[in-house]
Amino acid sequence: MPVVQIREDESFENALRRFKRKCEKSGVLTELKKRQHFEKPSVKRKRKAMQARKKVLRKMAEERRMGLR
């Protein structure tokens, strides 16, 4: 669990924003969502394949942009 030390003269909203950002970076929310419902192995494979496909497409698009400059 991410921990945030509240600085002196820091508002609660700023501390909460930093905490939420740390949670997002550490993947706490995605892990929680994954564990809430059982996912069949076939669905898990399809989801991972889609993620891999998206990652490759993003990388190719980035390379194309870098090549045009």
Protein backbone atom coordinates (compact mmCIF):
# COMPACT_ATOMS: atom_id res chain seq x y z
CA MET A 1 0.00 0.00 0.00
CA PRO A 2 1.46 3.37 -0.98
CA VAL A 3 2.17 5.76 1.88
CA VAL A 4 2.19 9.54 1.65
CA GLN A 5 3.77 11.74 4.30
CA ILE A 6 1.80 14.94 4.68
CA ARG A 7 4.07 17.95 4.47
CA GLU A 8 3.72 20.93 6.75
CA ASP A 9 1.21 23.50 5.46
CA GLU A 10 -0.03 21.04 2.81
CA SER A 11 -3.73 20.83 2.14
CA PHE A 12 -5.60 17.57 2.44
CA GLU A 13 -6.61 17.74 -1.22
CA ASN A 14 -2.97 17.92 -2.36
CA ALA A 15 -2.00 14.99 -0.15
CA LEU A 16 -4.97 12.98 -1.42
CA ARG A 17 -4.00 13.79 -5.03
CA ARG A 18 -0.44 12.57 -4.40
CA PHE A 19 -1.79 9.39 -2.76
CA LYS A 20 -4.08 8.66 -5.71
CA ARG A 21 -1.20 9.19 -8.14
CA LYS A 22 1.00 6.76 -6.15
CA CYS A 23 -1.81 4.18 -6.11
CA GLU A 24 -2.22 4.51 -9.87
CA LYS A 25 1.51 4.09 -10.51
CA SER A 26 1.79 1.06 -8.22
CA GLY A 27 -1.19 -0.66 -9.89
CA VAL A 28 -3.28 -1.09 -6.76
CA LEU A 29 -6.57 -0.26 -8.49
CA THR A 30 -6.00 -2.54 -11.48
CA GLU A 31 -5.06 -5.39 -9.15
CA LEU A 32 -8.21 -4.78 -7.11
CA LYS A 33 -10.39 -4.83 -10.22
CA LYS A 34 -8.75 -8.06 -11.40
CA ARG A 35 -9.42 -9.77 -8.09
CA GLN A 36 -13.05 -8.67 -7.77
CA HIS A 37 -14.38 -11.14 -10.35
CA PHE A 38 -13.15 -14.47 -11.60
CA GLU A 39 -11.85 -14.35 -15.13
CA LYS A 40 -11.88 -17.50 -17.21
CA PRO A 41 -8.47 -18.51 -18.61
CA SER A 42 -9.70 -18.11 -22.19
CA VAL A 43 -10.89 -14.56 -21.47
CA LYS A 44 -7.59 -13.79 -19.76
CA ARG A 45 -5.65 -14.99 -22.81
CA LYS A 46 -7.79 -12.88 -25.15
CA ARG A 47 -7.33 -9.80 -22.95
CA LYS A 48 -3.57 -10.26 -22.80
CA ALA A 49 -3.39 -10.77 -26.57
CA MET A 50 -5.33 -7.54 -27.12
CA GLN A 51 -3.01 -5.68 -24.75
CA ALA A 52 0.04 -7.01 -26.60
CA ARG A 53 -1.47 -6.03 -29.94
CA LYS A 54 -2.21 -2.51 -28.72
CA LYS A 55 1.32 -2.18 -27.35
CA VAL A 56 2.86 -3.18 -30.69
CA LEU A 57 0.58 -0.79 -32.60
CA ARG A 58 1.47 2.07 -30.25
CA LYS A 59 5.17 1.33 -30.68
CA MET A 60 4.85 1.23 -34.48
CA ALA A 61 2.91 4.52 -34.51
CA GLU A 62 5.58 6.14 -32.34
CA GLU A 63 8.34 4.89 -34.65
CA ARG A 64 6.48 6.28 -37.66
CA ARG A 65 6.15 9.66 -35.98
CA MET A 66 9.83 9.71 -35.08
CA GLY A 67 10.77 8.77 -38.66
CA LEU A 68 8.75 11.62 -40.17
CA ARG A 69 10.55 14.29 -38.17
